[in-house]
Amino acid sequence: MVGDSGFAALDLLAALARRGVVCVTRLRLDAALYEPAPPRKPRAVGRPRTKGARLSNLTEVLTDAATEWQRITVPGWYGEGERVVEVCSNTAVWRHAGTPVVPIRWVLLRDPQGRCDPQAPLCTDPARDPLQIVVWFAQRWQVEVTFREARDHLGIETQRQWSDLAIARTTPCLLGLFSLVTLLAARLSPRARLAVATAAWYRKKRPTFADTLAAVRREIWREQGFFTSCPAPDVRKLRPALRNAVTYALCHAA
C-alpha cells in the first residue's frame, strides 16, 4: 500500500504490518527514530524495552557533511521519465509514547539539481531495497492524479444520493468510466488523440485527462449528429471551420 504523509500514522502502520501489508508512505524529517530494543537480560525486572538509543533525525542527516549519498536513477519520476537523485538509507524503529513500535526502512532523498525539496519515504518492510521503495513512492502520483481528474471532470465524491448503497455503486462506476474514456481515446486517430488545449500562460506537452475527455466527446458528437443527413432542404449548415470551433469549445465546457 502506497500513500502520502496522511497515512503516516503509527497505529495504522502497525495494524497493517500485523496483517502482512507492506506500507510505503512519507516520513517527517523530524520524526523520532530509535535503534531496535536490545535483547532482554536474564532475570531482568520490569517491562521489556521497546526501543533503543535515540537516532539523529533526518534533518540532521540531511545537513551532516559525513552523510554518504548514493546516486540512483528512478524510472517514471512523477510522469517526467527518468530522474537521477541522491539517497541514503537505513533501518530504524519509529515510536511515540503510547503508540505501537513500527520497524521501518527510511530512504532520505535529495535532488542534485535542486528541482524538488528533500523527502523521506518509509517502508514497513526493513528488508526492501531503497530504489524499490522510491519507485513505489513515485508511482503513487499516478493514483493521486487519477482521483483528482475523476473528481474534477467526472463528479466523483460529489454525488447527491441519500442511500449508502447508491453511493457505493456510483463511485466504482465513475472510476470505470475513467478507464472507458481512456480506452476509447486509444482508438482515436493520433491527431485527435494528441490534441492539447493550451493557453498563453500554460503550455502542455502532452494531453491531460481533460483533453482526452474532450476528444472522446467530440468523436461521439461527430458520429451522432454530424453524420446524419438533414431531411429539410432549406437548412443551412455551419461552415466546417466554424462548426469545428464551436464543437471544440463545447466539448471542453461540457
Protein backbone atom coordinates (compact mmCIF):
# COMPACT_ATOMS: atom_id res chain seq x y z
CA MET A 1 0.00 0.00 0.00
CA VAL A 2 1.41 3.34 -1.07
CA GLY A 3 0.15 6.64 0.36
CA ASP A 4 1.18 10.18 1.11
CA SER A 5 2.06 11.61 4.52
CA GLY A 6 -1.58 11.48 5.61
CA PHE A 7 -1.15 7.71 6.02
CA ALA A 8 1.99 8.02 8.16
CA ALA A 9 0.18 7.11 11.38
CA LEU A 10 1.79 4.62 13.72
CA ASP A 11 -1.47 2.94 14.74
CA LEU A 12 -2.42 2.40 11.09
CA LEU A 13 1.03 1.19 10.01
CA ALA A 14 1.31 -1.20 12.94
CA ALA A 15 -2.15 -2.66 12.32
CA LEU A 16 -1.43 -3.23 8.63
CA ALA A 17 2.02 -4.68 9.33
CA ARG A 18 0.45 -7.27 11.67
CA ARG A 19 -1.69 -8.39 8.75
CA GLY A 20 1.26 -8.69 6.40
CA VAL A 21 0.58 -5.49 4.43
CA VAL A 22 3.72 -3.64 3.38
CA CYS A 23 3.17 0.13 3.52
CA VAL A 24 5.14 2.90 1.83
CA THR A 25 4.46 6.48 2.86
CA ARG A 26 6.23 9.76 3.57
CA LEU A 27 8.09 10.25 6.86
CA ARG A 28 8.50 13.60 8.58
CA LEU A 29 12.11 14.76 8.61
CA ASP A 30 11.88 15.44 12.35
CA ALA A 31 10.35 12.06 13.25
CA ALA A 32 11.65 10.38 16.42
CA LEU A 33 13.70 7.38 15.31
CA TYR A 34 15.42 4.85 17.57
CA GLU A 35 17.60 1.80 17.40
CA PRO A 36 15.87 -1.56 17.99
CA ALA A 37 15.45 -2.57 21.61
CA PRO A 38 18.45 -4.50 22.97
CA PRO A 39 17.94 -8.15 23.97
CA ARG A 40 16.38 -8.54 27.38
CA LYS A 41 18.84 -9.69 30.02
CA PRO A 42 18.06 -12.83 32.02
CA ARG A 43 16.17 -12.23 35.26
CA ALA A 44 15.57 -8.60 34.34
CA VAL A 45 12.80 -6.91 36.30
CA GLY A 46 10.15 -4.64 34.81
CA ARG A 47 8.67 -4.19 31.41
CA PRO A 48 10.80 -5.08 28.40
CA ARG A 49 12.21 -2.17 26.45
CA THR A 50 10.50 -1.27 23.18
CA LYS A 51 13.24 0.91 21.70
CA GLY A 52 16.96 1.51 21.90
CA ALA A 53 19.04 4.67 21.75
CA ARG A 54 17.69 7.76 20.01
CA LEU A 55 18.99 8.26 16.49
CA SER A 56 19.63 11.53 14.69
CA ASN A 57 16.54 12.83 12.95
CA LEU A 58 16.60 13.08 9.18
CA THR A 59 17.02 16.85 9.19
CA GLU A 60 20.38 16.37 10.89
CA VAL A 61 21.30 13.54 8.50
CA LEU A 62 20.46 15.82 5.56
CA THR A 63 22.83 18.57 6.71
CA ASP A 64 25.59 16.33 8.06
CA ALA A 65 28.72 16.55 5.92
CA ALA A 66 29.61 12.95 6.85
CA THR A 67 26.43 11.52 5.28
CA GLU A 68 27.25 9.15 2.43
CA TRP A 69 24.97 9.67 -0.58
CA GLN A 70 24.40 7.22 -3.40
CA ARG A 71 23.15 8.24 -6.84
CA ILE A 72 20.32 6.19 -8.32
CA THR A 73 18.16 6.53 -11.44
CA VAL A 74 14.43 6.43 -10.72
CA PRO A 75 12.23 5.48 -13.70
CA GLY A 76 8.89 7.18 -14.14
CA TRP A 77 9.62 10.08 -11.80
CA TYR A 78 6.24 11.83 -11.47
CA GLY A 79 5.48 11.46 -15.16
CA GLU A 80 8.77 13.03 -16.29
CA GLY A 81 10.72 9.92 -17.25
CA GLU A 82 13.97 9.03 -15.52
CA ARG A 83 15.38 11.22 -12.75
CA VAL A 84 18.78 10.93 -11.07
CA VAL A 85 18.54 11.51 -7.30
CA GLU A 86 20.84 11.02 -4.34
CA VAL A 87 19.72 8.77 -1.49
CA CYS A 88 20.89 7.45 1.83
CA SER A 89 19.00 4.77 3.71
CA ASN A 90 18.95 2.87 6.97
CA THR A 91 16.65 0.94 9.26
CA ALA A 92 15.17 2.23 12.50
CA VAL A 93 12.32 1.91 14.95
CA TRP A 94 9.66 4.61 14.82
CA ARG A 95 7.78 5.15 18.05
CA HIS A 96 5.91 7.73 20.11
CA ALA A 97 4.72 7.42 23.69
CA GLY A 98 1.55 5.37 23.86
CA THR A 99 1.77 4.16 20.25
CA PRO A 100 2.92 0.84 18.78
CA VAL A 101 6.50 0.24 17.73
CA VAL A 102 6.98 0.09 13.95
CA PRO A 103 10.27 -1.12 12.42
CA ILE A 104 10.90 0.75 9.18
CA ARG A 105 13.43 1.41 6.46
CA TRP A 106 13.72 5.10 5.69
CA VAL A 107 15.13 6.50 2.47
CA LEU A 108 16.26 10.11 2.52
CA LEU A 109 16.49 11.50 -1.00
CA ARG A 110 17.51 14.83 -2.48
CA ASP A 111 17.70 16.22 -6.00
CA PRO A 112 21.27 17.19 -7.01
CA GLN A 113 19.83 19.93 -9.24
CA GLY A 114 17.55 21.28 -6.52
CA ARG A 115 14.32 20.93 -8.52
CA CYS A 116 12.43 19.32 -5.62
CA ASP A 117 12.64 19.50 -1.84
CA PRO A 118 14.26 16.67 0.13
CA GLN A 119 11.82 13.97 1.21
CA ALA A 120 11.93 10.71 3.10
CA PRO A 121 9.77 7.74 2.05
CA LEU A 122 9.49 4.93 4.57
CA CYS A 123 8.67 1.26 4.19
CA THR A 124 7.35 -1.04 6.91
CA ASP A 125 9.44 -3.88 5.50
CA PRO A 126 13.03 -3.05 6.52
CA ALA A 127 14.41 -5.64 4.08
CA ARG A 128 13.20 -3.80 0.97
CA ASP A 129 15.67 -2.24 -1.45
CA PRO A 130 15.85 1.59 -1.24
CA LEU A 131 15.43 2.01 -5.01
CA GLN A 132 12.29 -0.13 -4.97
CA ILE A 133 10.86 1.99 -2.14
CA VAL A 134 11.48 5.21 -4.09
CA VAL A 135 9.93 3.72 -7.25
CA TRP A 136 6.82 2.65 -5.32
CA PHE A 137 6.52 6.06 -3.69
CA ALA A 138 6.77 7.87 -7.04
CA GLN A 139 4.09 5.61 -8.53
CA ARG A 140 1.54 6.94 -6.03
CA TRP A 141 1.44 10.16 -8.05
CA GLN A 142 -0.42 8.41 -10.86
CA VAL A 143 -3.08 7.25 -8.40
CA GLU A 144 -3.47 10.72 -6.91
CA VAL A 145 -3.78 12.32 -10.36
CA THR A 146 -6.40 9.74 -11.34
CA PHE A 147 -8.56 10.55 -8.32
CA ARG A 148 -8.13 14.30 -8.87
CA GLU A 149 -9.09 14.06 -12.54
CA ALA A 150 -12.08 11.84 -11.74
CA ARG A 151 -13.18 14.33 -9.09
CA ASP A 152 -12.81 17.38 -11.34
CA HIS A 153 -14.24 16.01 -14.58
CA LEU A 154 -16.45 13.02 -13.73
CA GLY A 155 -18.04 14.19 -10.46
CA ILE A 156 -16.66 11.52 -8.15
CA GLU A 157 -17.25 12.36 -4.45
CA THR A 158 -19.90 14.93 -5.49
CA GLN A 159 -22.80 12.51 -5.79
CA ARG A 160 -26.07 13.58 -4.18
CA GLN A 161 -27.56 10.19 -3.41
CA TRP A 162 -29.03 9.64 0.03
CA SER A 163 -28.53 5.89 0.05
CA ASP A 164 -25.21 4.35 1.04
CA LEU A 165 -25.75 1.59 -1.50
CA ALA A 166 -26.26 4.13 -4.29
CA ILE A 167 -23.04 5.89 -3.34
CA ALA A 168 -21.24 2.54 -3.22
CA ARG A 169 -22.46 1.79 -6.76
CA THR A 170 -21.75 5.22 -8.26
CA THR A 171 -18.12 5.56 -7.20
CA PRO A 172 -16.81 2.40 -8.94
CA CYS A 173 -18.96 3.21 -11.98
CA LEU A 174 -17.32 6.63 -12.30
CA LEU A 175 -13.86 5.09 -11.93
CA GLY A 176 -14.87 2.59 -14.58
CA LEU A 177 -15.93 5.50 -16.79
CA PHE A 178 -12.44 6.95 -16.38
CA SER A 179 -10.97 3.71 -17.77
CA LEU A 180 -13.59 3.59 -20.54
CA VAL A 181 -12.73 7.12 -21.69
CA THR A 182 -9.04 6.19 -21.72
CA LEU A 183 -9.68 3.06 -23.79
CA LEU A 184 -11.90 4.94 -26.26
CA ALA A 185 -9.25 7.64 -26.67
CA ALA A 186 -6.66 4.98 -27.51
CA ARG A 187 -8.75 4.06 -30.58
CA LEU A 188 -8.88 7.61 -31.95
CA SER A 189 -6.59 8.87 -34.67
CA PRO A 190 -3.22 10.20 -33.45
CA ARG A 191 -4.22 13.74 -34.42
CA ALA A 192 -7.43 13.62 -32.38
CA ARG A 193 -5.85 11.73 -29.50
CA LEU A 194 -2.94 14.13 -29.08
CA ALA A 195 -4.90 17.38 -29.35
CA VAL A 196 -3.93 19.62 -26.43
CA ALA A 197 -5.75 22.71 -25.17
CA THR A 198 -3.18 25.35 -24.18
CA ALA A 199 -3.16 28.96 -23.10
CA ALA A 200 -0.62 31.76 -23.23
CA TRP A 201 0.23 31.19 -19.57
CA TYR A 202 0.05 27.38 -19.55
CA ARG A 203 1.81 25.14 -22.05
CA LYS A 204 1.33 21.39 -22.07
CA LYS A 205 3.50 18.92 -23.94
CA ARG A 206 1.08 16.02 -23.59
CA PRO A 207 -2.71 15.76 -23.30
CA THR A 208 -4.26 15.52 -19.86
CA PHE A 209 -7.48 13.69 -19.00
CA ALA A 210 -9.44 16.88 -19.76
CA ASP A 211 -8.07 16.85 -23.32
CA THR A 212 -8.74 13.12 -23.63
CA LEU A 213 -12.33 13.50 -22.41
CA ALA A 214 -12.91 16.37 -24.87
CA ALA A 215 -11.52 14.31 -27.75
CA VAL A 216 -13.84 11.39 -26.94
CA ARG A 217 -16.84 13.73 -26.63
CA ARG A 218 -16.03 15.36 -29.97
CA GLU A 219 -15.82 11.97 -31.67
CA ILE A 220 -19.13 10.78 -30.17
CA TRP A 221 -20.90 14.01 -31.14
CA ARG A 222 -19.48 13.81 -34.65
CA GLU A 223 -20.83 10.30 -35.16
CA GLN A 224 -24.21 11.03 -33.56
CA GLY A 225 -25.03 14.41 -35.07
CA PHE A 226 -22.79 15.37 -37.93
CA PHE A 227 -23.07 12.17 -39.99
CA THR A 228 -26.89 12.30 -40.14
CA SER A 229 -28.45 13.86 -43.23
CA CYS A 230 -30.97 16.59 -42.54
CA PRO A 231 -34.40 15.98 -44.18
CA ALA A 232 -35.17 19.71 -44.56
CA PRO A 233 -33.59 21.04 -47.80
CA ASP A 234 -33.63 24.69 -46.67
CA VAL A 235 -31.46 24.21 -43.58
CA ARG A 236 -28.08 25.88 -43.88
CA LYS A 237 -25.20 24.03 -42.31
CA LEU A 238 -22.43 25.81 -40.49
CA ARG A 239 -19.16 26.28 -42.27
CA PRO A 240 -16.74 23.47 -41.29
CA ALA A 241 -14.28 25.84 -39.64
CA LEU A 242 -16.98 27.48 -37.50
CA ARG A 243 -18.59 24.14 -36.68
CA ASN A 244 -15.27 22.67 -35.56
CA ALA A 245 -14.51 25.72 -33.43
CA VAL A 246 -17.90 25.59 -31.72
CA THR A 247 -17.61 21.84 -31.16
CA TYR A 248 -14.10 22.23 -29.76
CA ALA A 249 -15.28 24.86 -27.28
CA LEU A 250 -18.37 22.92 -26.19
CA CYS A 251 -16.62 19.60 -25.69
CA HIS A 252 -14.26 21.23 -23.17
CA ALA A 253 -17.06 23.08 -21.37
CA ALA A 254 -19.48 20.14 -21.16
